[in-house]
Amino acid sequence: MLVAAAVCPHPPLIVPELAGAAAPELDGLRAACAAAIGAVLAVDHDLLVVVGSDERTRAYGGQAAGTLGSWGVDVRVGEGEPVLPLSLTIGRWLLAMQPTNEPTSESAGEPTSESAGEPAGEPTSESTGGTAAGRVGTAAAGRGLMFQGVASDASVAECLALGAELVEGRRTALLVMGDGSACLTEKSPGYLHPAAGPYNEEIVRALAEADTGALAAMDPAEAAALWVAGRAALQVLAGAAEGAALRPALLDESSPYGVGYFVATWLEGRAP
C-alpha cells in the first residue's frame, strides 16, 4: 500500500554547482523539496521508491549512481558507474541533501515486475554511506531503497499498472520526479503553447487534491506536445495511490524558467 508520496521537479539547475551564480533563484524550490522529502521519510514505510522518466521502464538498486556531467558539471551521486537518468539522478541528489549523521542501511528494494528490466542489485556499505553523495539521510536508515525508471512514452495503462505493482504487499513510499509543461512562455525550452498554462494548472490542482483520476486522464500525446516531462511518473503515482487514504498538500508551484515546477506531498490519512 502507498503510505506517503512526494512530488518534486528534476531540473539540473536545482543543483547549485550547475546553477552557479544563479543558484539562489531556486533556493525556495530546494527548501520545498527538502520539506516534502522529509515529511515522506518521517512516515513509517518498508520501501522508498524513487520514480522518474527514463528511456525505458527498468528498476535500479538502491546503490545506483548518476552523474550530471552531460549538463556541464560532473556532480555525482551514489558510487560506481553512473547509470541513472536525469530524473532519478536529481532524486538521489535530493535524498542526499537530507540531514544525515550516519550512513544509511545497506538494505535495498528489488524490482517488482519483469518489465522493470535489469535486476536491482544490493548496495554495500561503501555504495550507500561512504560519501555525502551516497547517503540518503538518517530518516531512511533500515529501510529499503530502489529507483524505478518509467519509459517517457509508456502508455497510461502501463504506468498505472506499474504504480499498483510497486506498492503491492508492503508499506511503500514514493518520491516522484516530474516536471510540468516546458511551453509556458516564449523563453520556455518548448516555446509558448496556448494550452500549456491550463494543462499545467490542472496538474497542480490534481496534486493539491490528490486527484488520481485527473492524473490518470492525462493524454500521452498531448503531454508530449506540451513538453510535460513528468507525465509518465505522475501516472505511476496515480496507479500507486488508487484507493489509498491520503492527505494532500501543495508546498510549492513555480515556473522560473518557463517550465512548470511543483512540490507536493500525499501522506497517509485523510484530511479532517
Protein backbone atom coordinates (compact mmCIF):
# COMPACT_ATOMS: atom_id res chain seq x y z
CA MET A 1 0.00 0.00 0.00
CA LEU A 2 1.09 3.56 -0.62
CA VAL A 3 1.61 5.35 2.70
CA ALA A 4 3.36 8.53 1.52
CA ALA A 5 4.49 10.27 -1.64
CA ALA A 6 6.38 13.40 -2.53
CA VAL A 7 6.38 15.00 -5.97
CA CYS A 8 9.42 17.10 -6.91
CA PRO A 9 10.80 18.51 -10.18
CA HIS A 10 14.12 17.48 -11.69
CA PRO A 11 15.75 20.49 -13.39
CA PRO A 12 19.56 20.19 -13.44
CA LEU A 13 19.79 23.80 -12.20
CA ILE A 14 18.34 22.76 -8.83
CA VAL A 15 21.92 21.60 -8.11
CA PRO A 16 23.88 24.73 -7.06
CA GLU A 17 27.09 23.60 -8.76
CA LEU A 18 25.28 23.68 -12.10
CA ALA A 19 23.39 26.92 -11.44
CA GLY A 20 26.47 28.88 -10.43
CA ALA A 21 25.70 32.49 -9.57
CA ALA A 22 22.00 31.87 -10.30
CA ALA A 23 21.74 29.20 -7.58
CA PRO A 24 19.83 31.47 -5.12
CA GLU A 25 16.98 31.72 -7.66
CA LEU A 26 15.93 28.16 -6.77
CA ASP A 27 16.56 28.32 -3.01
CA GLY A 28 12.83 28.26 -2.33
CA LEU A 29 12.31 25.27 -4.60
CA ARG A 30 15.13 23.35 -2.92
CA ALA A 31 13.69 24.12 0.50
CA ALA A 32 10.24 22.93 -0.55
CA CYS A 33 11.70 19.69 -1.93
CA ALA A 34 13.61 19.11 1.30
CA ALA A 35 10.45 19.66 3.35
CA ALA A 36 8.42 17.31 1.15
CA ILE A 37 11.00 14.52 1.26
CA GLY A 38 11.46 14.95 4.99
CA ALA A 39 7.72 14.56 5.51
CA VAL A 40 7.68 11.35 3.47
CA LEU A 41 10.70 9.86 5.22
CA ALA A 42 9.04 10.53 8.57
CA VAL A 43 6.16 8.19 7.69
CA ASP A 44 6.69 4.56 8.68
CA HIS A 45 7.43 2.62 5.49
CA ASP A 46 9.25 -0.51 4.35
CA LEU A 47 10.43 0.67 0.94
CA LEU A 48 11.15 4.03 -0.67
CA VAL A 49 10.90 4.03 -4.46
CA VAL A 50 12.20 6.99 -6.47
CA VAL A 51 10.23 7.14 -9.73
CA GLY A 52 11.20 9.15 -12.80
CA SER A 53 11.16 9.21 -16.58
CA ASP A 54 13.70 7.08 -18.41
CA GLU A 55 14.45 5.79 -21.91
CA ARG A 56 12.73 2.55 -20.96
CA THR A 57 10.99 1.07 -17.96
CA ARG A 58 13.53 -0.56 -15.66
CA ALA A 59 14.47 -0.78 -11.99
CA TYR A 60 17.78 0.10 -10.36
CA GLY A 61 19.09 -1.00 -6.99
CA GLY A 62 19.39 1.28 -4.00
CA GLN A 63 23.12 1.78 -4.66
CA ALA A 64 22.69 3.05 -8.24
CA ALA A 65 24.72 6.10 -9.20
CA GLY A 66 24.14 9.04 -11.52
CA THR A 67 26.06 12.00 -12.92
CA LEU A 68 25.18 15.44 -14.20
CA GLY A 69 28.23 15.58 -16.45
CA SER A 70 26.07 15.89 -19.56
CA TRP A 71 24.71 19.18 -18.16
CA GLY A 72 28.11 20.77 -17.70
CA VAL A 73 29.43 19.74 -14.27
CA ASP A 74 30.29 16.19 -13.23
CA VAL A 75 28.32 16.21 -9.99
CA ARG A 76 27.92 12.56 -8.96
CA VAL A 77 25.54 10.83 -6.60
CA GLY A 78 25.93 7.27 -5.43
CA GLU A 79 29.07 5.38 -6.24
CA GLY A 80 30.15 3.19 -9.11
CA GLU A 81 29.36 3.55 -12.81
CA PRO A 82 26.65 6.22 -13.34
CA VAL A 83 23.52 4.58 -14.74
CA LEU A 84 20.61 6.69 -13.52
CA PRO A 85 18.75 9.01 -15.92
CA LEU A 86 18.43 12.71 -15.13
CA SER A 87 15.15 12.39 -13.22
CA LEU A 88 16.47 9.72 -10.86
CA THR A 89 19.88 11.38 -10.53
CA ILE A 90 18.20 14.53 -9.24
CA GLY A 91 16.01 12.39 -6.99
CA ARG A 92 19.07 10.77 -5.46
CA TRP A 93 20.74 14.17 -5.10
CA LEU A 94 17.71 15.50 -3.21
CA LEU A 95 17.79 12.48 -0.90
CA ALA A 96 21.49 13.05 -0.28
CA MET A 97 20.70 16.61 0.82
CA GLN A 98 18.51 15.35 3.68
CA PRO A 99 20.06 15.73 7.18
CA THR A 100 22.29 12.79 7.99
CA ASN A 101 24.51 11.76 10.87
CA GLU A 102 25.25 8.16 9.96
CA PRO A 103 25.47 6.19 6.73
CA THR A 104 22.22 4.62 5.67
CA SER A 105 21.32 0.97 5.98
CA GLU A 106 22.62 -1.48 3.43
CA SER A 107 19.13 -2.69 2.54
CA ALA A 108 17.61 -2.11 -0.88
CA GLY A 109 14.43 -2.99 -2.70
CA GLU A 110 14.05 -5.43 -5.58
CA PRO A 111 12.22 -4.78 -8.84
CA THR A 112 8.58 -5.76 -8.64
CA SER A 113 7.98 -6.52 -12.30
CA GLU A 114 9.57 -8.38 -15.15
CA SER A 115 9.10 -5.21 -17.15
CA ALA A 116 11.40 -3.42 -14.72
CA GLY A 117 14.37 -4.64 -16.76
CA GLU A 118 17.75 -5.20 -15.18
CA PRO A 119 17.76 -6.67 -11.67
CA ALA A 120 18.21 -4.14 -8.93
CA GLY A 121 21.44 -5.00 -7.17
CA GLU A 122 22.16 -4.98 -3.47
CA PRO A 123 24.01 -1.94 -2.12
CA THR A 124 27.08 -2.18 0.03
CA SER A 125 28.18 -0.03 2.92
CA GLU A 126 30.61 1.65 0.54
CA SER A 127 27.98 2.47 -2.09
CA THR A 128 25.39 3.87 0.31
CA GLY A 129 27.32 5.59 3.01
CA GLY A 130 30.91 6.18 2.05
CA THR A 131 30.42 9.78 0.92
CA ALA A 132 27.91 12.58 1.28
CA ALA A 133 26.75 11.83 -2.26
CA GLY A 134 25.98 8.26 -1.28
CA ARG A 135 23.94 8.94 1.85
CA VAL A 136 20.19 9.38 1.86
CA GLY A 137 19.64 10.61 5.42
CA THR A 138 19.14 9.00 8.80
CA ALA A 139 15.36 9.01 8.42
CA ALA A 140 15.74 6.32 5.75
CA ALA A 141 18.03 4.08 7.80
CA GLY A 142 16.93 0.45 7.98
CA ARG A 143 14.51 0.78 5.08
CA GLY A 144 14.68 -0.43 1.51
CA LEU A 145 15.51 1.92 -1.34
CA MET A 146 15.16 1.42 -5.09
CA PHE A 147 14.98 3.58 -8.19
CA GLN A 148 12.32 2.97 -10.83
CA GLY A 149 12.62 4.38 -14.31
CA VAL A 150 9.49 4.54 -16.44
CA ALA A 151 9.62 4.96 -20.19
CA SER A 152 8.68 8.50 -21.12
CA ASP A 153 6.39 7.13 -23.83
CA ALA A 154 4.82 4.41 -21.66
CA SER A 155 1.08 4.04 -22.09
CA VAL A 156 -1.36 5.13 -19.41
CA ALA A 157 -2.22 1.50 -18.68
CA GLU A 158 1.43 0.57 -18.29
CA CYS A 159 2.06 3.45 -15.88
CA LEU A 160 -1.00 2.70 -13.74
CA ALA A 161 -0.14 -0.99 -13.58
CA LEU A 162 3.45 -0.28 -12.60
CA GLY A 163 2.29 2.03 -9.82
CA ALA A 164 -0.07 -0.58 -8.42
CA GLU A 165 2.66 -3.21 -8.58
CA LEU A 166 5.23 -1.08 -6.77
CA VAL A 167 3.06 -0.74 -3.66
CA GLU A 168 1.67 -4.26 -3.54
CA GLY A 169 2.20 -6.16 -0.29
CA ARG A 170 4.24 -3.63 1.66
CA ARG A 171 4.17 -0.13 3.10
CA THR A 172 5.67 1.84 0.24
CA ALA A 173 6.67 5.49 -0.03
CA LEU A 174 7.32 7.19 -3.37
CA LEU A 175 9.49 10.09 -4.41
CA VAL A 176 8.04 11.02 -7.80
CA MET A 177 10.23 13.16 -10.04
CA GLY A 178 8.29 15.09 -12.65
CA ASP A 179 8.30 18.49 -14.33
CA GLY A 180 5.23 20.14 -15.75
CA SER A 181 4.95 21.79 -19.16
CA ALA A 182 8.03 23.41 -20.70
CA CYS A 183 5.89 25.55 -23.02
CA LEU A 184 4.64 28.21 -20.61
CA THR A 185 6.42 31.27 -22.05
CA GLU A 186 8.17 32.41 -25.21
CA LYS A 187 11.50 31.70 -23.49
CA SER A 188 10.49 28.17 -22.49
CA PRO A 189 12.50 25.26 -23.94
CA GLY A 190 9.43 24.30 -25.97
CA TYR A 191 8.33 27.89 -26.69
CA LEU A 192 4.88 29.23 -25.75
CA HIS A 193 1.87 26.99 -26.34
CA PRO A 194 -1.60 28.37 -25.51
CA ALA A 195 -2.71 25.06 -23.99
CA ALA A 196 0.29 24.76 -21.67
CA GLY A 197 -0.92 27.08 -18.91
CA PRO A 198 -4.31 25.42 -18.38
CA TYR A 199 -2.74 21.96 -18.66
CA ASN A 200 -0.14 22.81 -16.04
CA GLU A 201 -2.77 24.29 -13.75
CA GLU A 202 -4.78 21.06 -13.92
CA ILE A 203 -1.74 19.06 -12.82
CA VAL A 204 -1.25 21.45 -9.89
CA ARG A 205 -4.90 21.10 -8.92
CA ALA A 206 -4.72 17.31 -9.11
CA LEU A 207 -1.67 17.27 -6.86
CA ALA A 208 -3.25 19.66 -4.38
CA GLU A 209 -6.36 17.48 -4.16
CA ALA A 210 -4.82 14.00 -4.57
CA ASP A 211 -6.98 13.55 -7.66
CA THR A 212 -5.70 10.28 -9.09
CA GLY A 213 -8.38 10.29 -11.78
CA ALA A 214 -7.15 13.59 -13.21
CA LEU A 215 -3.55 12.35 -13.32
CA ALA A 216 -4.64 9.10 -14.95
CA ALA A 217 -6.59 11.06 -17.57
CA MET A 218 -3.51 12.85 -18.95
CA ASP A 219 -3.16 12.01 -22.63
CA PRO A 220 0.40 10.94 -23.52
CA ALA A 221 0.30 12.60 -26.95
CA GLU A 222 -0.91 15.92 -25.56
CA ALA A 223 1.63 15.77 -22.74
CA ALA A 224 4.42 15.16 -25.27
CA ALA A 225 3.26 18.10 -27.39
CA LEU A 226 3.35 20.34 -24.32
CA TRP A 227 6.73 19.01 -23.16
CA VAL A 228 5.37 17.62 -19.88
CA ALA A 229 8.37 15.59 -18.74
CA GLY A 230 6.62 14.22 -15.66
CA ARG A 231 3.54 12.69 -17.29
CA ALA A 232 4.55 9.02 -17.02
CA ALA A 233 5.90 9.31 -13.47
CA LEU A 234 2.77 11.14 -12.30
CA GLN A 235 0.62 8.38 -13.76
CA VAL A 236 2.69 5.80 -11.86
CA LEU A 237 1.76 7.80 -8.76
CA ALA A 238 -1.90 7.67 -9.78
CA GLY A 239 -1.73 3.89 -10.07
CA ALA A 240 0.05 3.53 -6.75
CA ALA A 241 -2.42 5.80 -4.91
CA GLU A 242 -5.64 4.32 -6.29
CA GLY A 243 -7.92 3.61 -3.34
CA ALA A 244 -5.46 4.86 -0.71
CA ALA A 245 -6.48 7.32 2.01
CA LEU A 246 -4.02 10.16 1.53
CA ARG A 247 -3.83 13.72 2.80
CA PRO A 248 -2.53 16.07 0.06
CA ALA A 249 -0.57 19.29 0.44
CA LEU A 250 0.84 21.57 -2.26
CA LEU A 251 4.11 23.01 -0.96
CA ASP A 252 5.32 24.96 -3.96
CA GLU A 253 4.35 25.92 -7.50
CA SER A 254 6.56 27.99 -9.80
CA SER A 255 7.83 28.35 -13.36
CA PRO A 256 11.04 30.41 -13.11
CA TYR A 257 12.39 29.31 -16.49
CA GLY A 258 9.12 28.82 -18.32
CA VAL A 259 8.87 25.24 -17.04
CA GLY A 260 6.24 24.16 -14.54
CA TYR A 261 7.72 23.01 -11.24
CA PHE A 262 5.59 21.77 -8.36
CA VAL A 263 6.26 20.20 -4.98
CA ALA A 264 3.56 18.26 -3.19
CA THR A 265 3.03 15.56 -0.59
CA TRP A 266 0.39 12.89 -0.24
CA LEU A 267 0.60 11.43 3.26
CA GLU A 268 -1.24 8.60 4.94
CA GLY A 269 -4.56 9.64 6.48
CA ARG A 270 -7.37 11.78 5.14
CA ALA A 271 -7.60 15.48 5.96
CA PRO A 272 -10.21 16.41 8.60
